[in-house]
């Protein structure tokens, strides 16, 4: 759903053109139960189900691992579409702003921790990825008064590499594919570190600019 009908809000009552972007007034009318938030909630619900499937029968049954991969893949697909739909059709809500990143980190974090617990993935890899995600999240709050650091192309590539690598580790692969997933994960770790350092650089620059503007405003007010 996209929100309160126009007739109920004192508008014209005419239906929006299918596929058209909603106007600014629709932003205020965006319902909690819109398609973007529903996809986010599906991803949250998938997390415990994914963990159960991955750890079923000791965590080494290829069939259960295939089902776990399917749940992980659905979660990754919803992650792609919910943000796109929210931005395109002005379905951004406070719930979505909070729940979307929580859902992202929950599915990825649970996968990494379970894989390390099963012995498939070194704990240091899990530590690097989760440490980076937590650190960048805290850093965003640190500079939020000065502005928002947008997601970069490198960050999006990092997310794709992480999702691909973790998905390959969830599956019970052998032979050449098992070797390939090692290198995909290596690329994901490198991108995780490099993009993390770039976000730190952007945060430092943004904070310096913000402080300089505050000082200039204070001098102008005297």
N, C-alpha and C. Protein backbone atom coordinates (compact mmCIF):
# COMPACT_ATOMS: atom_id res chain seq x y z
N UNK A 1 0.84 -1.20 0.00
CA UNK A 1 0.00 0.00 0.00
C UNK A 1 0.86 1.23 0.00
N UNK A 2 0.37 2.31 -0.59
CA UNK A 2 1.18 3.52 -0.71
C UNK A 2 0.77 4.62 0.24
N UNK A 3 -0.31 4.42 1.01
CA UNK A 3 -0.65 5.45 1.98
C UNK A 3 -2.12 5.75 2.00
N UNK A 4 -2.49 6.85 2.62
CA UNK A 4 -3.88 7.27 2.76
C UNK A 4 -4.41 7.72 1.41
N UNK A 5 -5.62 7.31 1.01
CA UNK A 5 -6.18 7.77 -0.27
C UNK A 5 -6.27 9.28 -0.32
N UNK A 6 -6.14 9.81 -1.53
CA UNK A 6 -6.16 11.27 -1.67
C UNK A 6 -7.47 11.86 -1.21
N UNK A 7 -8.57 11.13 -1.45
CA UNK A 7 -9.86 11.67 -1.05
C UNK A 7 -9.97 11.80 0.44
N UNK A 8 -9.32 10.89 1.18
CA UNK A 8 -9.38 10.95 2.64
C UNK A 8 -8.52 12.06 3.18
N UNK A 9 -7.53 12.47 2.38
CA UNK A 9 -6.61 13.51 2.84
C UNK A 9 -6.99 14.88 2.31
N UNK A 10 -8.17 14.97 1.66
CA UNK A 10 -8.60 16.26 1.16
C UNK A 10 -8.10 16.56 -0.23
N UNK A 11 -7.63 15.48 -0.96
CA UNK A 11 -7.12 15.71 -2.30
C UNK A 11 -8.21 15.54 -3.32
N UNK A 12 -7.79 15.23 -4.55
CA UNK A 12 -8.74 15.14 -5.65
C UNK A 12 -9.44 13.81 -5.68
N UNK A 13 -8.85 12.82 -5.07
CA UNK A 13 -9.44 11.49 -5.09
C UNK A 13 -9.13 10.72 -6.34
N UNK A 14 -8.36 11.31 -7.29
CA UNK A 14 -8.02 10.60 -8.50
C UNK A 14 -6.90 9.62 -8.23
N UNK A 15 -6.95 8.48 -8.89
CA UNK A 15 -5.93 7.47 -8.70
C UNK A 15 -4.64 7.89 -9.40
N UNK A 16 -3.48 7.56 -8.78
CA UNK A 16 -2.22 7.89 -9.46
C UNK A 16 -2.03 7.05 -10.70
N UNK A 17 -1.29 7.57 -11.64
CA UNK A 17 -1.00 6.84 -12.86
C UNK A 17 -0.13 5.65 -12.51
N UNK A 18 -0.49 4.43 -12.93
CA UNK A 18 0.32 3.25 -12.60
C UNK A 18 1.75 3.42 -13.07
N UNK A 19 2.71 3.10 -12.17
CA UNK A 19 4.13 3.18 -12.51
C UNK A 19 4.72 4.55 -12.32
N UNK A 20 3.89 5.55 -12.10
CA UNK A 20 4.41 6.91 -11.95
C UNK A 20 4.96 7.10 -10.55
N UNK A 21 5.95 7.98 -10.42
CA UNK A 21 6.50 8.30 -9.11
C UNK A 21 5.52 9.16 -8.33
N UNK A 22 5.45 8.93 -7.04
CA UNK A 22 4.53 9.69 -6.23
C UNK A 22 5.12 11.03 -5.87
N UNK A 23 4.28 12.01 -5.66
CA UNK A 23 4.73 13.34 -5.32
C UNK A 23 5.11 13.48 -3.88
N UNK A 24 5.51 14.70 -3.50
CA UNK A 24 5.96 14.95 -2.14
C UNK A 24 4.87 14.70 -1.13
N UNK A 25 3.61 14.98 -1.50
CA UNK A 25 2.51 14.77 -0.56
C UNK A 25 2.38 13.32 -0.20
N UNK A 26 2.72 12.42 -1.12
CA UNK A 26 2.58 10.99 -0.85
C UNK A 26 3.61 10.51 0.15
N UNK A 27 4.72 11.23 0.27
CA UNK A 27 5.74 10.84 1.23
C UNK A 27 5.16 10.84 2.63
N UNK A 28 4.39 11.87 2.94
CA UNK A 28 3.80 11.95 4.27
C UNK A 28 2.71 10.92 4.48
N UNK A 29 2.15 10.40 3.36
CA UNK A 29 1.07 9.45 3.44
C UNK A 29 1.56 8.01 3.34
N UNK A 30 2.88 7.78 3.17
CA UNK A 30 3.42 6.44 3.00
C UNK A 30 3.05 5.58 4.19
N UNK A 31 2.45 4.44 3.90
CA UNK A 31 1.98 3.55 4.95
C UNK A 31 3.11 2.65 5.43
N UNK A 32 3.02 2.26 6.70
CA UNK A 32 3.97 1.29 7.23
C UNK A 32 3.90 0.00 6.43
N UNK A 33 2.69 -0.35 5.98
CA UNK A 33 2.48 -1.60 5.25
C UNK A 33 2.62 -1.38 3.75
N UNK A 34 3.74 -0.79 3.33
CA UNK A 34 3.99 -0.67 1.90
C UNK A 34 4.91 -1.81 1.47
N UNK A 35 5.04 -1.99 0.16
CA UNK A 35 5.76 -3.14 -0.38
C UNK A 35 7.23 -3.16 0.05
N UNK A 36 7.86 -1.97 0.16
CA UNK A 36 9.26 -1.92 0.56
C UNK A 36 9.43 -2.43 1.99
N UNK A 37 8.58 -1.98 2.90
CA UNK A 37 8.67 -2.43 4.29
C UNK A 37 8.30 -3.90 4.44
N UNK A 38 7.36 -4.36 3.63
CA UNK A 38 6.99 -5.78 3.68
C UNK A 38 8.17 -6.66 3.27
N UNK A 39 8.91 -6.25 2.25
CA UNK A 39 10.09 -6.99 1.84
C UNK A 39 11.15 -6.99 2.93
N UNK A 40 11.30 -5.85 3.61
CA UNK A 40 12.25 -5.78 4.72
C UNK A 40 11.85 -6.72 5.84
N UNK A 41 10.55 -6.76 6.16
CA UNK A 41 10.07 -7.64 7.22
C UNK A 41 10.22 -9.12 6.84
N UNK A 42 10.04 -9.42 5.56
CA UNK A 42 10.27 -10.80 5.10
C UNK A 42 11.72 -11.19 5.33
N UNK A 43 12.63 -10.25 5.07
CA UNK A 43 14.06 -10.53 5.28
C UNK A 43 14.36 -10.77 6.76
N UNK A 44 13.73 -10.01 7.63
CA UNK A 44 13.92 -10.22 9.07
C UNK A 44 13.40 -11.59 9.50
N UNK A 45 12.23 -11.97 8.97
CA UNK A 45 11.64 -13.27 9.33
C UNK A 45 12.51 -14.42 8.80
N UNK A 46 13.17 -14.21 7.66
CA UNK A 46 13.99 -15.25 7.06
C UNK A 46 15.23 -15.57 7.89
N UNK A 47 15.69 -14.63 8.72
CA UNK A 47 16.94 -14.84 9.46
C UNK A 47 16.90 -16.08 10.34
N UNK A 48 15.94 -16.21 11.28
CA UNK A 48 15.93 -17.43 12.10
C UNK A 48 15.69 -18.69 11.27
N UNK A 49 14.86 -18.60 10.24
CA UNK A 49 14.64 -19.76 9.38
C UNK A 49 15.91 -20.18 8.67
N UNK A 50 16.68 -19.20 8.19
CA UNK A 50 17.96 -19.48 7.53
C UNK A 50 18.92 -20.18 8.49
N UNK A 51 19.01 -19.70 9.72
CA UNK A 51 19.91 -20.30 10.70
C UNK A 51 19.53 -21.76 10.99
N UNK A 52 18.23 -21.99 11.16
CA UNK A 52 17.75 -23.36 11.41
C UNK A 52 18.10 -24.28 10.25
N UNK A 53 17.89 -23.81 9.03
CA UNK A 53 18.19 -24.63 7.85
C UNK A 53 19.69 -24.90 7.72
N UNK A 54 20.50 -23.90 7.99
CA UNK A 54 21.95 -24.04 7.84
C UNK A 54 22.53 -25.01 8.87
N UNK A 55 21.99 -24.98 10.09
CA UNK A 55 22.53 -25.82 11.17
C UNK A 55 21.80 -27.15 11.30
N UNK A 56 20.79 -27.40 10.46
CA UNK A 56 20.03 -28.63 10.56
C UNK A 56 20.92 -29.85 10.33
N UNK A 57 20.65 -30.91 11.09
CA UNK A 57 21.39 -32.18 10.94
C UNK A 57 22.89 -31.99 11.08
N UNK A 58 23.28 -31.13 12.03
CA UNK A 58 24.70 -30.91 12.29
C UNK A 58 25.35 -29.87 11.40
N UNK A 59 24.62 -29.38 10.41
CA UNK A 59 25.15 -28.31 9.57
C UNK A 59 25.93 -28.78 8.37
N UNK A 60 25.94 -30.08 8.10
CA UNK A 60 26.77 -30.57 6.99
C UNK A 60 25.97 -31.35 5.95
N UNK A 61 24.65 -31.34 6.06
CA UNK A 61 23.83 -32.05 5.10
C UNK A 61 23.65 -31.18 3.85
N UNK A 62 24.08 -31.67 2.67
CA UNK A 62 24.00 -30.86 1.44
C UNK A 62 22.59 -30.38 1.11
N UNK A 63 21.59 -31.22 1.39
CA UNK A 63 20.22 -30.83 1.07
C UNK A 63 19.76 -29.66 1.94
N UNK A 64 20.01 -29.75 3.25
CA UNK A 64 19.64 -28.65 4.14
C UNK A 64 20.41 -27.39 3.80
N UNK A 65 21.68 -27.54 3.41
CA UNK A 65 22.49 -26.38 3.04
C UNK A 65 21.93 -25.74 1.77
N UNK A 66 21.40 -26.54 0.86
CA UNK A 66 20.80 -25.98 -0.35
C UNK A 66 19.56 -25.17 -0.02
N UNK A 67 18.74 -25.65 0.91
CA UNK A 67 17.57 -24.90 1.35
C UNK A 67 17.99 -23.61 2.06
N UNK A 68 19.06 -23.71 2.86
CA UNK A 68 19.57 -22.51 3.54
C UNK A 68 20.04 -21.49 2.52
N UNK A 69 20.70 -21.97 1.45
CA UNK A 69 21.15 -21.06 0.40
C UNK A 69 19.95 -20.37 -0.26
N UNK A 70 18.87 -21.12 -0.48
CA UNK A 70 17.67 -20.54 -1.09
C UNK A 70 17.11 -19.42 -0.22
N UNK A 71 17.06 -19.65 1.09
CA UNK A 71 16.58 -18.61 2.01
C UNK A 71 17.50 -17.39 1.98
N UNK A 72 18.81 -17.64 1.95
CA UNK A 72 19.78 -16.54 1.90
C UNK A 72 19.63 -15.76 0.60
N UNK A 73 19.43 -16.48 -0.52
CA UNK A 73 19.28 -15.82 -1.82
C UNK A 73 18.04 -14.94 -1.84
N UNK A 74 16.93 -15.43 -1.30
CA UNK A 74 15.70 -14.63 -1.24
C UNK A 74 15.94 -13.37 -0.41
N UNK A 75 16.66 -13.51 0.71
CA UNK A 75 16.95 -12.35 1.55
C UNK A 75 17.78 -11.32 0.79
N UNK A 76 18.78 -11.77 0.03
CA UNK A 76 19.62 -10.85 -0.74
C UNK A 76 18.81 -10.16 -1.84
N UNK A 77 17.89 -10.90 -2.46
CA UNK A 77 17.07 -10.31 -3.52
C UNK A 77 16.13 -9.23 -2.94
N UNK A 78 15.53 -9.52 -1.80
CA UNK A 78 14.65 -8.52 -1.18
C UNK A 78 15.44 -7.28 -0.79
N UNK A 79 16.71 -7.46 -0.43
CA UNK A 79 17.55 -6.32 -0.07
C UNK A 79 17.75 -5.40 -1.26
N UNK A 80 17.84 -5.99 -2.45
CA UNK A 80 18.03 -5.19 -3.66
C UNK A 80 16.77 -4.38 -3.98
N UNK A 81 15.62 -5.04 -3.86
CA UNK A 81 14.38 -4.43 -4.32
C UNK A 81 13.74 -3.47 -3.32
N UNK A 82 13.86 -3.74 -2.00
CA UNK A 82 13.12 -2.88 -1.07
C UNK A 82 13.63 -1.45 -1.08
N UNK A 83 14.95 -1.27 -1.10
CA UNK A 83 15.49 0.08 -1.15
C UNK A 83 15.15 0.79 -2.45
N UNK A 84 15.22 0.05 -3.56
CA UNK A 84 14.89 0.65 -4.87
C UNK A 84 13.43 1.09 -4.92
N UNK A 85 12.54 0.24 -4.43
CA UNK A 85 11.12 0.59 -4.44
C UNK A 85 10.82 1.78 -3.52
N UNK A 86 11.47 1.79 -2.35
CA UNK A 86 11.23 2.88 -1.40
C UNK A 86 11.65 4.22 -1.98
N UNK A 87 12.80 4.25 -2.67
CA UNK A 87 13.28 5.50 -3.23
C UNK A 87 12.50 5.90 -4.47
N UNK A 88 12.18 4.94 -5.32
CA UNK A 88 11.51 5.24 -6.58
C UNK A 88 10.08 5.73 -6.37
N UNK A 89 9.36 5.10 -5.44
CA UNK A 89 7.94 5.43 -5.25
C UNK A 89 7.68 6.18 -3.95
N UNK A 90 8.72 6.79 -3.38
CA UNK A 90 8.58 7.60 -2.18
C UNK A 90 7.86 6.84 -1.06
N UNK A 91 8.35 5.64 -0.78
CA UNK A 91 7.79 4.81 0.28
C UNK A 91 8.71 4.75 1.49
N UNK A 92 9.55 5.76 1.62
CA UNK A 92 10.50 5.80 2.74
C UNK A 92 9.75 6.11 4.03
N UNK A 93 9.96 5.29 5.05
CA UNK A 93 9.34 5.49 6.37
C UNK A 93 10.41 5.38 7.44
N UNK A 94 10.10 5.89 8.63
CA UNK A 94 11.05 5.77 9.75
C UNK A 94 11.34 4.31 10.07
N UNK A 95 10.30 3.48 9.98
CA UNK A 95 10.50 2.05 10.23
C UNK A 95 11.49 1.46 9.24
N UNK A 96 11.34 1.82 7.97
CA UNK A 96 12.24 1.29 6.96
C UNK A 96 13.68 1.74 7.16
N UNK A 97 13.85 3.00 7.56
CA UNK A 97 15.20 3.51 7.79
C UNK A 97 15.92 2.73 8.88
N UNK A 98 15.17 2.27 9.88
CA UNK A 98 15.76 1.52 10.99
C UNK A 98 15.85 0.03 10.68
N UNK A 99 14.75 -0.53 10.15
CA UNK A 99 14.66 -1.97 9.96
C UNK A 99 15.53 -2.47 8.82
N UNK A 100 15.66 -1.69 7.75
CA UNK A 100 16.41 -2.16 6.58
C UNK A 100 17.87 -2.48 6.91
N UNK A 101 18.63 -1.56 7.53
CA UNK A 101 20.02 -1.91 7.86
C UNK A 101 20.12 -3.01 8.90
N UNK A 102 19.15 -3.08 9.82
CA UNK A 102 19.16 -4.17 10.81
C UNK A 102 18.99 -5.52 10.11
N UNK A 103 18.05 -5.57 9.16
CA UNK A 103 17.81 -6.81 8.41
C UNK A 103 19.04 -7.21 7.61
N UNK A 104 19.69 -6.23 6.98
CA UNK A 104 20.89 -6.51 6.20
C UNK A 104 21.97 -7.14 7.06
N UNK A 105 22.24 -6.50 8.19
CA UNK A 105 23.32 -6.98 9.06
C UNK A 105 22.95 -8.29 9.76
N UNK A 106 21.65 -8.48 10.01
CA UNK A 106 21.21 -9.70 10.70
C UNK A 106 21.43 -10.93 9.83
N UNK A 107 21.04 -10.86 8.56
CA UNK A 107 21.19 -12.02 7.68
C UNK A 107 22.65 -12.29 7.38
N UNK A 108 23.43 -11.24 7.12
CA UNK A 108 24.85 -11.44 6.82
C UNK A 108 25.62 -11.88 8.06
N UNK A 109 25.32 -11.25 9.20
CA UNK A 109 26.02 -11.60 10.43
C UNK A 109 25.72 -13.02 10.86
N UNK A 110 24.46 -13.43 10.77
CA UNK A 110 24.10 -14.79 11.18
C UNK A 110 24.78 -15.81 10.27
N UNK A 111 24.86 -15.51 8.96
CA UNK A 111 25.52 -16.43 8.03
C UNK A 111 27.00 -16.57 8.36
N UNK A 112 27.67 -15.45 8.57
CA UNK A 112 29.10 -15.48 8.87
C UNK A 112 29.39 -16.22 10.17
N UNK A 113 28.63 -15.91 11.21
CA UNK A 113 28.86 -16.54 12.51
C UNK A 113 28.60 -18.05 12.44
N UNK A 114 27.53 -18.45 11.78
CA UNK A 114 27.22 -19.88 11.65
C UNK A 114 28.31 -20.60 10.85
N UNK A 115 28.77 -20.00 9.77
CA UNK A 115 29.80 -20.63 8.95
C UNK A 115 31.11 -20.77 9.73
N UNK A 116 31.45 -19.77 10.51
CA UNK A 116 32.66 -19.86 11.34
C UNK A 116 32.49 -20.89 12.44
N UNK A 117 31.31 -20.95 13.03
CA UNK A 117 31.04 -21.93 14.09
C UNK A 117 31.12 -23.36 13.55
N UNK A 118 30.71 -23.54 12.28
CA UNK A 118 30.79 -24.86 11.65
C UNK A 118 32.20 -25.19 11.18
N UNK A 119 33.09 -24.21 11.23
CA UNK A 119 34.46 -24.44 10.80
C UNK A 119 34.70 -24.24 9.31
N UNK A 120 33.72 -23.72 8.59
CA UNK A 120 33.86 -23.51 7.15
C UNK A 120 34.58 -22.21 6.82
N UNK A 121 34.52 -21.25 7.71
CA UNK A 121 35.07 -19.92 7.46
C UNK A 121 35.90 -19.48 8.67
N UNK A 122 37.13 -18.99 8.45
CA UNK A 122 37.95 -18.54 9.58
C UNK A 122 37.25 -17.43 10.37
N UNK A 123 37.40 -17.47 11.68
CA UNK A 123 36.76 -16.46 12.52
C UNK A 123 37.29 -15.06 12.23
N UNK A 124 38.55 -14.95 11.78
CA UNK A 124 39.09 -13.61 11.53
C UNK A 124 38.37 -12.94 10.37
N UNK A 125 37.91 -13.74 9.38
CA UNK A 125 37.14 -13.17 8.27
C UNK A 125 35.82 -12.60 8.79
N UNK A 126 35.14 -13.39 9.61
CA UNK A 126 33.89 -12.92 10.22
C UNK A 126 34.13 -11.66 11.04
N UNK A 127 35.23 -11.64 11.80
CA UNK A 127 35.55 -10.48 12.63
C UNK A 127 35.81 -9.23 11.81
N UNK A 128 36.54 -9.37 10.70
CA UNK A 128 36.85 -8.22 9.84
C UNK A 128 35.57 -7.64 9.24
N UNK A 129 34.71 -8.50 8.69
CA UNK A 129 33.50 -8.02 8.02
C UNK A 129 32.52 -7.40 9.01
N UNK A 130 32.26 -8.11 10.12
CA UNK A 130 31.31 -7.58 11.09
C UNK A 130 31.86 -6.36 11.81
N UNK A 131 33.16 -6.36 12.08
CA UNK A 131 33.78 -5.20 12.72
C UNK A 131 33.69 -3.97 11.84
N UNK A 132 33.90 -4.17 10.54
CA UNK A 132 33.79 -3.05 9.59
C UNK A 132 32.37 -2.51 9.57
N UNK A 133 31.37 -3.40 9.50
CA UNK A 133 29.99 -2.96 9.42
C UNK A 133 29.57 -2.20 10.68
N UNK A 134 29.96 -2.72 11.84
CA UNK A 134 29.62 -2.04 13.09
C UNK A 134 30.33 -0.69 13.19
N UNK A 135 31.60 -0.68 12.82
CA UNK A 135 32.38 0.56 12.90
C UNK A 135 31.83 1.64 11.98
N UNK A 136 31.47 1.28 10.75
CA UNK A 136 30.94 2.27 9.81
C UNK A 136 29.58 2.78 10.27
N UNK A 137 28.78 1.90 10.83
CA UNK A 137 27.47 2.32 11.35
C UNK A 137 27.64 3.35 12.47
N UNK A 138 28.53 3.08 13.40
CA UNK A 138 28.79 4.02 14.50
C UNK A 138 29.37 5.33 13.97
N UNK A 139 30.22 5.23 12.95
CA UNK A 139 30.82 6.43 12.38
C UNK A 139 29.78 7.31 11.70
N UNK A 140 28.80 6.69 11.06
CA UNK A 140 27.73 7.47 10.42
C UNK A 140 26.97 8.29 11.46
N UNK A 141 26.73 7.70 12.63
CA UNK A 141 26.07 8.44 13.71
C UNK A 141 26.97 9.56 14.22
N UNK A 142 28.28 9.34 14.20
CA UNK A 142 29.24 10.33 14.69
C UNK A 142 29.21 11.60 13.85
N UNK A 143 28.97 11.46 12.54
CA UNK A 143 29.02 12.63 11.66
C UNK A 143 27.64 13.03 11.13
N UNK A 144 26.58 12.41 11.64
CA UNK A 144 25.26 12.63 11.05
C UNK A 144 24.80 14.09 11.19
N UNK A 145 25.30 14.80 12.19
CA UNK A 145 24.89 16.21 12.35
C UNK A 145 25.48 17.08 11.25
N UNK A 146 26.51 16.60 10.58
CA UNK A 146 27.14 17.37 9.51
C UNK A 146 26.68 16.94 8.13
N UNK A 147 26.03 15.80 8.03
CA UNK A 147 25.56 15.31 6.73
C UNK A 147 25.54 13.79 6.70
N UNK A 148 25.08 13.28 5.58
CA UNK A 148 24.96 11.83 5.40
C UNK A 148 25.99 11.37 4.38
N UNK A 149 26.69 10.28 4.70
CA UNK A 149 27.65 9.71 3.77
C UNK A 149 26.90 8.74 2.86
N UNK A 150 26.79 9.03 1.58
CA UNK A 150 26.03 8.15 0.69
C UNK A 150 26.76 6.85 0.40
N UNK A 151 26.00 5.83 0.04
CA UNK A 151 26.61 4.56 -0.35
C UNK A 151 27.37 4.76 -1.67
N UNK A 152 28.60 4.30 -1.70
CA UNK A 152 29.42 4.46 -2.89
C UNK A 152 29.31 3.24 -3.79
N UNK A 153 29.84 3.37 -4.99
CA UNK A 153 29.85 2.22 -5.90
C UNK A 153 30.70 1.10 -5.33
N UNK A 154 31.79 1.49 -4.67
CA UNK A 154 32.64 0.48 -4.03
C UNK A 154 31.90 -0.26 -2.94
N UNK A 155 31.08 0.49 -2.19
CA UNK A 155 30.30 -0.14 -1.12
C UNK A 155 29.28 -1.12 -1.68
N UNK A 156 28.64 -0.74 -2.80
CA UNK A 156 27.68 -1.64 -3.42
C UNK A 156 28.36 -2.87 -3.99
N UNK A 157 29.56 -2.68 -4.55
CA UNK A 157 30.33 -3.82 -5.07
C UNK A 157 30.75 -4.73 -3.94
N UNK A 158 31.10 -4.12 -2.80
CA UNK A 158 31.45 -4.90 -1.62
C UNK A 158 30.30 -5.77 -1.16
N UNK A 159 29.10 -5.20 -1.14
CA UNK A 159 27.91 -5.94 -0.72
C UNK A 159 27.65 -7.11 -1.66
N UNK A 160 27.81 -6.87 -2.98
CA UNK A 160 27.62 -7.94 -3.96
C UNK A 160 28.65 -9.05 -3.76
N UNK A 161 29.90 -8.67 -3.55
CA UNK A 161 30.96 -9.66 -3.36
C UNK A 161 30.73 -10.47 -2.08
N UNK A 162 30.34 -9.79 -1.01
CA UNK A 162 30.07 -10.49 0.24
C UNK A 162 28.91 -11.48 0.08
N UNK A 163 27.82 -11.02 -0.54
CA UNK A 163 26.67 -11.88 -0.72
C UNK A 163 26.99 -13.10 -1.57
N UNK A 164 27.76 -12.89 -2.65
CA UNK A 164 28.15 -14.00 -3.52
C UNK A 164 29.04 -14.99 -2.79
N UNK A 165 30.04 -14.46 -2.07
CA UNK A 165 30.98 -15.32 -1.36
C UNK A 165 30.29 -16.12 -0.26
N UNK A 166 29.49 -15.45 0.55
CA UNK A 166 28.80 -16.14 1.64
C UNK A 166 27.83 -17.18 1.08
N UNK A 167 27.14 -16.83 -0.01
CA UNK A 167 26.24 -17.79 -0.63
C UNK A 167 26.97 -19.04 -1.09
N UNK A 168 28.17 -18.87 -1.63
CA UNK A 168 28.96 -20.01 -2.07
C UNK A 168 29.42 -20.86 -0.90
N UNK A 169 29.69 -20.21 0.23
CA UNK A 169 30.11 -20.97 1.42
C UNK A 169 28.94 -21.70 2.06
N UNK A 170 27.74 -21.14 1.91
CA UNK A 170 26.56 -21.81 2.47
C UNK A 170 26.31 -23.13 1.74
N UNK A 171 26.50 -23.13 0.42
CA UNK A 171 26.34 -24.36 -0.34
C UNK A 171 27.48 -25.33 -0.02
N UNK A 172 27.20 -26.62 -0.07
CA UNK A 172 28.21 -27.65 0.20
C UNK A 172 29.00 -27.91 -1.08
N UNK A 173 29.88 -26.99 -1.45
CA UNK A 173 30.63 -27.10 -2.68
C UNK A 173 31.91 -27.90 -2.48
N UNK A 174 32.36 -28.53 -3.55
CA UNK A 174 33.61 -29.29 -3.51
C UNK A 174 34.39 -29.00 -4.79
N UNK A 175 35.64 -29.44 -4.80
CA UNK A 175 36.46 -29.31 -6.00
C UNK A 175 36.79 -27.88 -6.37
N UNK A 176 36.69 -27.60 -7.68
CA UNK A 176 37.08 -26.29 -8.19
C UNK A 176 36.19 -25.19 -7.65
N UNK A 177 34.90 -25.46 -7.45
CA UNK A 177 33.99 -24.45 -6.93
C UNK A 177 34.34 -24.07 -5.49
N UNK A 178 34.79 -25.05 -4.71
CA UNK A 178 35.21 -24.76 -3.34
C UNK A 178 36.46 -23.87 -3.34
N UNK A 179 37.35 -24.09 -4.31
CA UNK A 179 38.54 -23.23 -4.43
C UNK A 179 38.14 -21.84 -4.89
N UNK A 180 37.18 -21.77 -5.82
CA UNK A 180 36.73 -20.48 -6.35
C UNK A 180 36.12 -19.62 -5.24
N UNK A 181 35.33 -20.25 -4.36
CA UNK A 181 34.68 -19.46 -3.32
C UNK A 181 35.70 -18.84 -2.37
N UNK A 182 36.85 -19.48 -2.20
CA UNK A 182 37.92 -18.90 -1.37
C UNK A 182 38.37 -17.57 -1.95
N UNK A 183 38.57 -17.55 -3.27
CA UNK A 183 39.06 -16.32 -3.90
C UNK A 183 37.98 -15.25 -3.97
N UNK A 184 36.73 -15.68 -4.12
CA UNK A 184 35.64 -14.70 -4.08
C UNK A 184 35.56 -14.05 -2.70
N UNK A 185 35.72 -14.87 -1.66
CA UNK A 185 35.71 -14.33 -0.30
C UNK A 185 36.91 -13.42 -0.07
N UNK A 186 38.05 -13.77 -0.64
CA UNK A 186 39.24 -12.92 -0.50
C UNK A 186 38.99 -11.55 -1.12
N UNK A 187 38.35 -11.53 -2.29
CA UNK A 187 38.00 -10.25 -2.92
C UNK A 187 37.03 -9.47 -2.05
N UNK A 188 36.06 -10.17 -1.47
CA UNK A 188 35.07 -9.51 -0.60
C UNK A 188 35.75 -8.88 0.62
N UNK A 189 36.72 -9.59 1.20
CA UNK A 189 37.42 -9.06 2.37
C UNK A 189 38.23 -7.82 2.00
N UNK A 190 38.92 -7.87 0.85
CA UNK A 190 39.70 -6.71 0.40
C UNK A 190 38.79 -5.51 0.18
N UNK A 191 37.66 -5.72 -0.50
CA UNK A 191 36.71 -4.63 -0.73
C UNK A 191 36.13 -4.11 0.58
N UNK A 192 35.91 -5.01 1.54
CA UNK A 192 35.40 -4.61 2.85
C UNK A 192 36.35 -3.64 3.53
N UNK A 193 37.64 -3.97 3.50
CA UNK A 193 38.65 -3.12 4.15
C UNK A 193 38.84 -1.80 3.39
N UNK A 194 38.98 -1.89 2.07
CA UNK A 194 39.25 -0.69 1.26
C UNK A 194 38.09 0.30 1.35
N UNK A 195 36.86 -0.18 1.18
CA UNK A 195 35.71 0.72 1.25
C UNK A 195 35.51 1.26 2.66
N UNK A 196 35.86 0.47 3.66
CA UNK A 196 35.78 0.94 5.04
C UNK A 196 36.72 2.12 5.27
N UNK A 197 37.94 2.00 4.77
CA UNK A 197 38.90 3.10 4.90
C UNK A 197 38.43 4.34 4.15
N UNK A 198 37.79 4.12 2.98
CA UNK A 198 37.29 5.26 2.21
C UNK A 198 36.15 5.96 2.94
N UNK A 199 35.28 5.21 3.60
CA UNK A 199 34.20 5.81 4.39
C UNK A 199 34.77 6.62 5.55
N UNK A 200 35.82 6.11 6.16
CA UNK A 200 36.46 6.85 7.25
C UNK A 200 37.01 8.18 6.73
N UNK A 201 37.65 8.14 5.56
CA UNK A 201 38.17 9.36 4.96
C UNK A 201 37.05 10.36 4.70
N UNK A 202 35.94 9.89 4.14
CA UNK A 202 34.81 10.77 3.86
C UNK A 202 34.24 11.36 5.15
N UNK A 203 34.19 10.54 6.20
CA UNK A 203 33.64 11.01 7.48
C UNK A 203 34.52 12.11 8.07
N UNK A 204 35.85 11.93 7.99
CA UNK A 204 36.77 12.94 8.52
C UNK A 204 36.63 14.25 7.75
N UNK A 205 36.56 14.16 6.42
CA UNK A 205 36.40 15.36 5.58
C UNK A 205 35.08 16.05 5.88
N UNK A 206 34.01 15.26 5.98
CA UNK A 206 32.69 15.83 6.25
C UNK A 206 32.66 16.53 7.60
N UNK A 207 33.27 15.92 8.60
CA UNK A 207 33.28 16.53 9.94
C UNK A 207 34.10 17.82 9.95
N UNK A 208 35.23 17.81 9.27
CA UNK A 208 36.06 19.02 9.21
C UNK A 208 35.30 20.16 8.52
N UNK A 209 34.62 19.84 7.43
CA UNK A 209 33.85 20.86 6.73
C UNK A 209 32.72 21.39 7.60
N UNK A 210 32.07 20.49 8.32
CA UNK A 210 30.98 20.89 9.20
C UNK A 210 31.46 21.79 10.32
N UNK A 211 32.60 21.44 10.93
CA UNK A 211 33.15 22.27 12.00
C UNK A 211 33.58 23.64 11.47
N UNK A 212 34.16 23.66 10.27
CA UNK A 212 34.58 24.93 9.68
C UNK A 212 33.37 25.83 9.41
N UNK A 213 32.27 25.23 8.93
CA UNK A 213 31.06 26.01 8.68
C UNK A 213 30.46 26.53 9.98
N UNK A 214 30.50 25.74 11.04
CA UNK A 214 29.99 26.17 12.33
C UNK A 214 30.81 27.35 12.86
N UNK A 215 32.14 27.26 12.74
CA UNK A 215 32.99 28.36 13.21
C UNK A 215 32.73 29.63 12.40
N UNK A 216 32.57 29.47 11.08
CA UNK A 216 32.31 30.63 10.23
C UNK A 216 30.98 31.27 10.60
N UNK A 217 29.99 30.45 10.90
CA UNK A 217 28.67 30.97 11.30
C UNK A 217 28.75 31.70 12.62
N UNK A 218 29.55 31.18 13.54
CA UNK A 218 29.71 31.82 14.85
C UNK A 218 30.39 33.18 14.70
N UNK A 219 31.43 33.24 13.83
CA UNK A 219 32.12 34.53 13.62
C UNK A 219 31.19 35.54 12.96
N UNK A 220 30.36 35.07 12.04
CA UNK A 220 29.44 35.98 11.34
C UNK A 220 28.35 36.50 12.28
N UNK A 221 28.03 35.73 13.30
CA UNK A 221 26.96 36.12 14.23
C UNK A 221 27.46 37.12 15.28
N UNK A 222 28.77 37.26 15.41
CA UNK A 222 29.30 38.17 16.43
C UNK A 222 29.17 39.64 16.00
